[in-house]
Amino acid sequence: MKIYKNPNLNQKHCNGVIAIGNFDGLHLGHKKVISEAKRKAKKNNLPFGVMTFEPVPVMFFNKKIKNHRINSLEQKKIYLKKFKLDFLIIIKFNKKFSSQSAEEFINRIIFKKTKCKFLYVSKNFKFGFKRQGNIKTLKKFENKYNFKNIVTKPFKKNNKTISSTFIRKKIRLGKISEVNKLLNRNWSVVGKVIKGQKRGRKIGFPTCNLKLIDYVVPKLGVYAVKVKTKNFNRNGIANIGYRPTFNGKNLLLETNIFGINKNLYNKVISINFKRFIRPEKKFRNLKHLKKQIKLDIKQAKK
């Protein structure tokens, strides 16, 4: 998979099939769009790729939005690679790019840069200055700019359209089992282990601590998880919250990895959420906290 930081494609990747979108989470709805684009490329013997944007546009326009992403850019690259794309275009979403009109985007990028023949988007795709462009705009300029726009029907489950917004809502509600089905994998947070107060180690349950950074914040509480690194793949238990028993101030993801008791500071780990166990709560003292942690671990292992 060739990765482009701009839409200046090599000649061998021009005149192909491109699926465009933010693809945050790469859920089953996104997979439907990309898979249909891939089938079209294979049928017509054309190069096949994906165009996405970084940062996520909504976070660019509203700097107050901090915890929004379902996956990081690096995770997105890994998930997209599994589709065996010929190429991936990552457009830098900035002020200059966002001030283009819808037609300018089609002319400058789709027509002149990629020479795209088939363009796949979802029904709610918006683009151009102030999101003025939509699927009707694409249809309007098909003949002028020599491409065919194909709109993929929404992916529905239980009569509900699956979207990134819908999945974020489920994550915030702690509906992790449902989220994992819609992603067709465990929702995960990847980050570098930071130093904490070592309270977990002192009470017999050492933890690896991560900051969520841009990730959407799940329901505060305890989760059964699987922790992956380059060297191991282990089950564990994680708490996301403010540690009210200790009057904590900062949001933190703390994970106790079963069978691992060593320093992982500055190591990159992946916390894969499997099931919500209970909400975060404040305990009267350390004795009650330790008792509950033992019950949580038993439940997580179960």
Protein backbone atom coordinates (compact mmCIF):
# COMPACT_ATOMS: atom_id res chain seq x y z
CA MET A 1 0.00 0.00 0.00
CA LYS A 2 1.57 3.26 -1.16
CA ILE A 3 0.84 6.17 1.20
CA TYR A 4 0.56 9.67 -0.26
CA LYS A 5 0.68 12.79 1.92
CA ASN A 6 -0.86 14.74 -0.99
CA PRO A 7 -3.03 13.81 -3.99
CA ASN A 8 -0.17 13.90 -6.53
CA LEU A 9 -0.45 10.25 -7.51
CA ASN A 10 2.05 8.24 -9.49
CA GLN A 11 0.85 7.53 -13.01
CA LYS A 12 0.15 3.88 -12.15
CA HIS A 13 -2.35 4.95 -9.46
CA CYS A 14 -4.23 7.50 -11.58
CA ASN A 15 -7.47 6.74 -13.45
CA GLY A 16 -8.63 4.40 -10.72
CA VAL A 17 -11.32 3.84 -8.09
CA ILE A 18 -11.25 5.90 -4.89
CA ALA A 19 -13.38 5.68 -1.73
CA ILE A 20 -13.46 9.00 0.14
CA GLY A 21 -14.32 9.65 3.79
CA ASN A 22 -13.05 10.30 7.31
CA PHE A 23 -13.44 6.58 8.07
CA ASP A 24 -13.08 7.19 11.82
CA GLY A 25 -13.40 3.78 13.43
CA LEU A 26 -13.56 1.89 10.13
CA HIS A 27 -16.84 0.31 11.20
CA LEU A 28 -19.00 -2.06 9.15
CA GLY A 29 -20.56 0.87 7.28
CA HIS A 30 -17.14 2.10 6.17
CA LYS A 31 -16.12 -1.42 5.23
CA LYS A 32 -19.18 -1.64 2.99
CA VAL A 33 -18.13 1.50 1.06
CA ILE A 34 -14.51 0.36 0.70
CA SER A 35 -15.40 -3.23 -0.22
CA GLU A 36 -17.79 -2.09 -2.97
CA ALA A 37 -15.12 0.23 -4.36
CA LYS A 38 -12.62 -2.62 -4.32
CA ARG A 39 -14.97 -4.90 -6.24
CA LYS A 40 -15.47 -2.20 -8.89
CA ALA A 41 -11.70 -1.78 -9.27
CA LYS A 42 -11.14 -5.52 -9.58
CA LYS A 43 -13.94 -5.90 -12.13
CA ASN A 44 -12.52 -3.11 -14.30
CA ASN A 45 -8.85 -3.90 -13.65
CA LEU A 46 -8.20 -0.44 -12.17
CA PRO A 47 -6.01 0.81 -9.30
CA PHE A 48 -7.90 1.07 -6.02
CA GLY A 49 -7.37 3.47 -3.14
CA VAL A 50 -8.82 5.44 -0.24
CA MET A 51 -8.71 9.18 0.43
CA THR A 52 -9.04 10.38 4.02
CA PHE A 53 -8.34 13.54 6.01
CA GLU A 54 -6.07 14.43 8.93
CA PRO A 55 -6.85 15.86 11.42
CA VAL A 56 -10.51 14.84 11.62
CA PRO A 57 -12.28 17.94 10.16
CA VAL A 58 -14.65 18.48 13.11
CA MET A 59 -11.65 18.70 15.46
CA PHE A 60 -9.95 21.17 13.11
CA PHE A 61 -12.95 23.50 13.07
CA ASN A 62 -13.72 23.25 16.78
CA LYS A 63 -10.58 23.32 18.92
CA LYS A 64 -12.70 22.69 22.03
CA ILE A 65 -13.44 19.15 20.85
CA LYS A 66 -10.69 17.07 22.46
CA ASN A 67 -11.99 13.55 22.93
CA HIS A 68 -13.63 12.54 19.68
CA ARG A 69 -11.67 9.93 17.75
CA ILE A 70 -12.60 6.26 17.63
CA ASN A 71 -9.15 5.37 16.31
CA SER A 72 -5.84 7.14 15.75
CA LEU A 73 -4.35 7.78 12.32
CA GLU A 74 -1.84 4.96 12.83
CA GLN A 75 -4.63 2.53 13.69
CA LYS A 76 -6.57 3.68 10.63
CA LYS A 77 -3.55 2.91 8.42
CA ILE A 78 -3.27 -0.59 9.91
CA TYR A 79 -6.96 -1.34 9.41
CA LEU A 80 -6.96 0.02 5.84
CA LYS A 81 -3.91 -2.03 4.93
CA LYS A 82 -6.01 -5.16 5.47
CA PHE A 83 -8.13 -4.16 2.47
CA LYS A 84 -5.00 -4.55 0.30
CA LEU A 85 -5.31 -1.05 -1.12
CA ASP A 86 -3.01 -0.02 -3.93
CA PHE A 87 -2.72 3.41 -2.34
CA LEU A 88 -3.88 5.60 0.54
CA ILE A 89 -4.13 9.40 0.24
CA ILE A 90 -4.00 11.34 3.52
CA ILE A 91 -5.09 14.92 2.86
CA LYS A 92 -3.79 17.48 5.36
CA PHE A 93 -6.97 19.21 6.51
CA ASN A 94 -6.02 22.85 7.10
CA LYS A 95 -7.39 26.34 6.50
CA LYS A 96 -6.26 26.46 2.87
CA PHE A 97 -7.80 23.09 2.03
CA SER A 98 -11.07 23.81 3.87
CA SER A 99 -11.56 27.12 2.03
CA GLN A 100 -11.84 25.43 -1.38
CA SER A 101 -15.27 25.45 -2.95
CA ALA A 102 -16.88 22.10 -3.70
CA GLU A 103 -16.17 22.46 -7.43
CA GLU A 104 -12.55 23.46 -6.75
CA PHE A 105 -12.09 20.25 -4.77
CA ILE A 106 -13.52 18.19 -7.64
CA ASN A 107 -11.49 20.02 -10.28
CA ARG A 108 -8.14 20.36 -8.51
CA ILE A 109 -8.01 17.08 -6.63
CA ILE A 110 -10.37 14.54 -8.15
CA PHE A 111 -9.96 15.58 -11.80
CA LYS A 112 -6.44 17.01 -12.14
CA LYS A 113 -4.52 15.16 -9.41
CA THR A 114 -6.04 11.69 -9.21
CA LYS A 115 -7.89 11.53 -12.56
CA CYS A 116 -10.35 9.32 -10.70
CA LYS A 117 -12.79 7.26 -12.82
CA PHE A 118 -15.07 5.96 -10.06
CA LEU A 119 -15.65 7.82 -6.81
CA TYR A 120 -17.29 6.01 -3.87
CA VAL A 121 -18.83 7.95 -0.98
CA SER A 122 -21.45 7.40 1.72
CA LYS A 123 -24.89 9.01 1.50
CA ASN A 124 -24.06 11.79 4.01
CA PHE A 125 -20.71 12.79 2.46
CA LYS A 126 -20.13 16.58 2.64
CA PHE A 127 -17.15 18.51 1.28
CA GLY A 128 -15.87 21.91 0.21
CA PHE A 129 -16.13 25.33 1.87
CA LYS A 130 -18.64 25.24 4.75
CA ARG A 131 -19.57 21.66 3.70
CA GLN A 132 -21.57 23.05 0.77
CA GLY A 133 -20.81 20.06 -1.45
CA ASN A 134 -22.77 16.79 -1.24
CA ILE A 135 -23.68 13.81 -3.41
CA LYS A 136 -25.90 16.03 -5.59
CA THR A 137 -22.89 18.26 -6.26
CA LEU A 138 -20.80 15.25 -7.28
CA LYS A 139 -23.56 14.08 -9.61
CA LYS A 140 -23.80 17.54 -11.17
CA PHE A 141 -20.12 17.61 -12.17
CA GLU A 142 -19.70 13.98 -13.26
CA ASN A 143 -19.66 14.64 -17.00
CA LYS A 144 -17.64 17.86 -16.80
CA TYR A 145 -14.82 16.22 -14.83
CA ASN A 146 -15.02 12.74 -16.33
CA PHE A 147 -15.81 10.57 -13.31
CA LYS A 148 -18.68 8.43 -12.09
CA ASN A 149 -19.95 8.99 -8.55
CA ILE A 150 -21.33 5.94 -6.74
CA VAL A 151 -23.19 6.31 -3.44
CA THR A 152 -23.14 3.29 -1.17
CA LYS A 153 -26.36 2.53 0.66
CA PRO A 154 -26.07 2.92 4.46
CA PHE A 155 -25.22 -0.13 6.50
CA LYS A 156 -28.04 -0.82 8.93
CA LYS A 157 -28.37 -3.04 11.97
CA ASN A 158 -31.72 -3.45 13.72
CA ASN A 159 -33.09 -0.70 11.42
CA LYS A 160 -30.48 1.78 12.65
CA THR A 161 -27.90 3.33 10.34
CA ILE A 162 -24.38 2.57 11.56
CA SER A 163 -22.19 5.67 11.70
CA SER A 164 -19.16 6.94 13.60
CA THR A 165 -21.49 9.22 15.60
CA PHE A 166 -23.63 6.23 16.58
CA ILE A 167 -20.56 4.26 17.68
CA ARG A 168 -19.16 7.16 19.72
CA LYS A 169 -22.49 7.31 21.55
CA LYS A 170 -22.29 3.58 22.32
CA ILE A 171 -18.71 3.92 23.61
CA ARG A 172 -19.74 6.78 25.92
CA LEU A 173 -22.54 4.58 27.26
CA GLY A 174 -20.14 1.69 27.93
CA LYS A 175 -21.86 -0.55 25.37
CA ILE A 176 -18.53 -2.07 24.38
CA SER A 177 -19.87 -5.49 23.39
CA GLU A 178 -22.19 -3.78 20.89
CA VAL A 179 -19.41 -1.49 19.66
CA ASN A 180 -17.12 -4.45 18.99
CA LYS A 181 -19.77 -6.11 16.84
CA LEU A 182 -20.20 -2.93 14.78
CA LEU A 183 -16.44 -2.59 14.33
CA ASN A 184 -15.98 -6.33 13.75
CA ARG A 185 -13.04 -6.16 16.17
CA ASN A 186 -12.36 -4.97 19.72
CA TRP A 187 -12.35 -1.19 20.15
CA SER A 188 -8.86 -0.26 21.28
CA VAL A 189 -6.79 2.59 22.64
CA VAL A 190 -3.10 2.72 21.73
CA GLY A 191 -0.64 4.84 23.68
CA LYS A 192 2.65 5.13 25.49
CA VAL A 193 2.80 4.02 29.12
CA ILE A 194 3.39 6.94 31.49
CA LYS A 195 4.52 7.07 35.11
CA GLY A 196 1.75 7.22 37.70
CA GLN A 197 1.60 7.47 41.48
CA LYS A 198 2.38 3.72 41.81
CA ARG A 199 -0.65 3.26 44.07
CA GLY A 200 -1.67 0.09 42.23
CA ARG A 201 1.73 -1.47 42.85
CA LYS A 202 1.56 -0.56 46.54
CA ILE A 203 -1.75 -2.39 47.01
CA GLY A 204 -0.70 -5.42 44.96
CA PHE A 205 -2.23 -4.56 41.59
CA PRO A 206 0.38 -2.78 39.41
CA THR A 207 -1.02 -0.88 36.44
CA CYS A 208 0.11 0.56 33.13
CA ASN A 209 -1.20 4.09 32.74
CA LEU A 210 -2.22 5.82 29.51
CA LYS A 211 -3.71 9.20 28.68
CA LEU A 212 -6.64 9.10 26.25
CA ILE A 213 -5.44 12.19 24.31
CA ASP A 214 -7.90 12.49 21.36
CA TYR A 215 -9.84 9.26 21.90
CA VAL A 216 -13.55 9.38 22.73
CA VAL A 217 -14.00 8.85 26.48
CA PRO A 218 -15.83 5.62 27.30
CA LYS A 219 -18.20 5.29 30.24
CA LEU A 220 -16.11 5.67 33.38
CA GLY A 221 -15.54 2.39 35.13
CA VAL A 222 -13.94 -1.03 34.94
CA TYR A 223 -13.53 -3.14 31.79
CA ALA A 224 -12.26 -6.56 30.85
CA VAL A 225 -9.50 -5.98 28.28
CA LYS A 226 -6.81 -7.66 26.22
CA VAL A 227 -3.42 -5.93 26.17
CA LYS A 228 -1.16 -6.26 23.15
CA THR A 229 2.45 -5.23 22.59
CA LYS A 230 5.16 -6.41 20.23
CA ASN A 231 6.14 -9.01 22.81
CA PHE A 232 2.92 -10.29 24.37
CA ASN A 233 -0.85 -10.59 24.11
CA ARG A 234 -2.45 -10.85 27.56
CA ASN A 235 -5.82 -10.47 29.23
CA GLY A 236 -6.25 -7.81 31.86
CA ILE A 237 -8.54 -5.40 33.63
CA ALA A 238 -8.71 -1.64 33.10
CA ASN A 239 -10.19 1.32 34.92
CA ILE A 240 -10.98 4.53 33.11
CA GLY A 241 -11.71 7.47 35.35
CA TYR A 242 -10.50 9.94 37.97
CA ARG A 243 -9.76 7.54 40.87
CA PRO A 244 -12.27 9.12 43.33
CA THR A 245 -11.01 7.00 46.24
CA PHE A 246 -7.75 8.95 45.95
CA ASN A 247 -9.41 12.26 44.96
CA GLY A 248 -7.81 12.11 41.50
CA LYS A 249 -8.04 15.14 39.23
CA ASN A 250 -6.94 13.85 35.81
CA LEU A 251 -8.64 11.32 33.57
CA LEU A 252 -6.52 8.19 33.26
CA LEU A 253 -6.70 4.71 31.76
CA GLU A 254 -5.09 2.27 34.24
CA THR A 255 -4.61 -1.36 33.24
CA ASN A 256 -3.58 -4.37 35.30
CA ILE A 257 -2.17 -7.01 32.94
CA PHE A 258 -2.62 -10.60 34.13
CA GLY A 259 0.70 -12.46 34.43
CA ILE A 260 2.87 -9.40 33.75
CA ASN A 261 4.64 -7.62 36.59
CA LYS A 262 7.38 -5.48 35.08
CA ASN A 263 8.13 -1.87 34.17
CA LEU A 264 6.59 -0.93 30.81
CA TYR A 265 7.23 2.84 31.00
CA ASN A 266 7.46 4.48 27.55
CA LYS A 267 6.39 1.24 25.83
CA VAL A 268 3.56 1.50 23.31
CA ILE A 269 0.67 -0.79 24.22
CA SER A 270 -2.78 -1.46 22.80
CA ILE A 271 -5.70 -1.77 25.24
CA ASN A 272 -8.48 -3.76 23.54
CA PHE A 273 -11.80 -3.33 25.34
CA LYS A 274 -13.87 -6.51 25.60
CA ARG A 275 -16.63 -5.95 28.16
CA PHE A 276 -17.87 -3.35 30.63
CA ILE A 277 -17.86 -4.68 34.22
CA ARG A 278 -19.00 -1.86 36.50
CA PRO A 279 -19.09 1.96 36.85
CA GLU A 280 -16.33 3.82 38.67
CA LYS A 281 -17.08 4.42 42.36
CA LYS A 282 -15.48 5.87 45.47
CA PHE A 283 -14.57 3.41 48.23
CA ARG A 284 -14.45 4.12 51.96
CA ASN A 285 -10.89 2.86 52.30
CA LEU A 286 -8.15 0.78 50.66
CA LYS A 287 -9.46 -2.44 52.21
CA HIS A 288 -12.80 -2.08 50.41
CA LEU A 289 -11.04 -1.07 47.18
CA LYS A 290 -8.76 -4.14 47.24
CA LYS A 291 -11.71 -6.43 47.92
CA GLN A 292 -13.59 -4.99 44.93
CA ILE A 293 -10.55 -5.23 42.64
CA LYS A 294 -10.29 -8.95 43.42
CA LEU A 295 -13.96 -9.38 42.50
CA ASP A 296 -13.43 -7.34 39.29
CA ILE A 297 -10.48 -9.49 38.26
CA LYS A 298 -12.48 -12.65 38.89
CA GLN A 299 -15.29 -11.27 36.75
CA ALA A 300 -12.88 -10.17 34.00
CA LYS A 301 -11.26 -13.61 33.85
CA LYS A 302 -14.68 -15.21 33.73
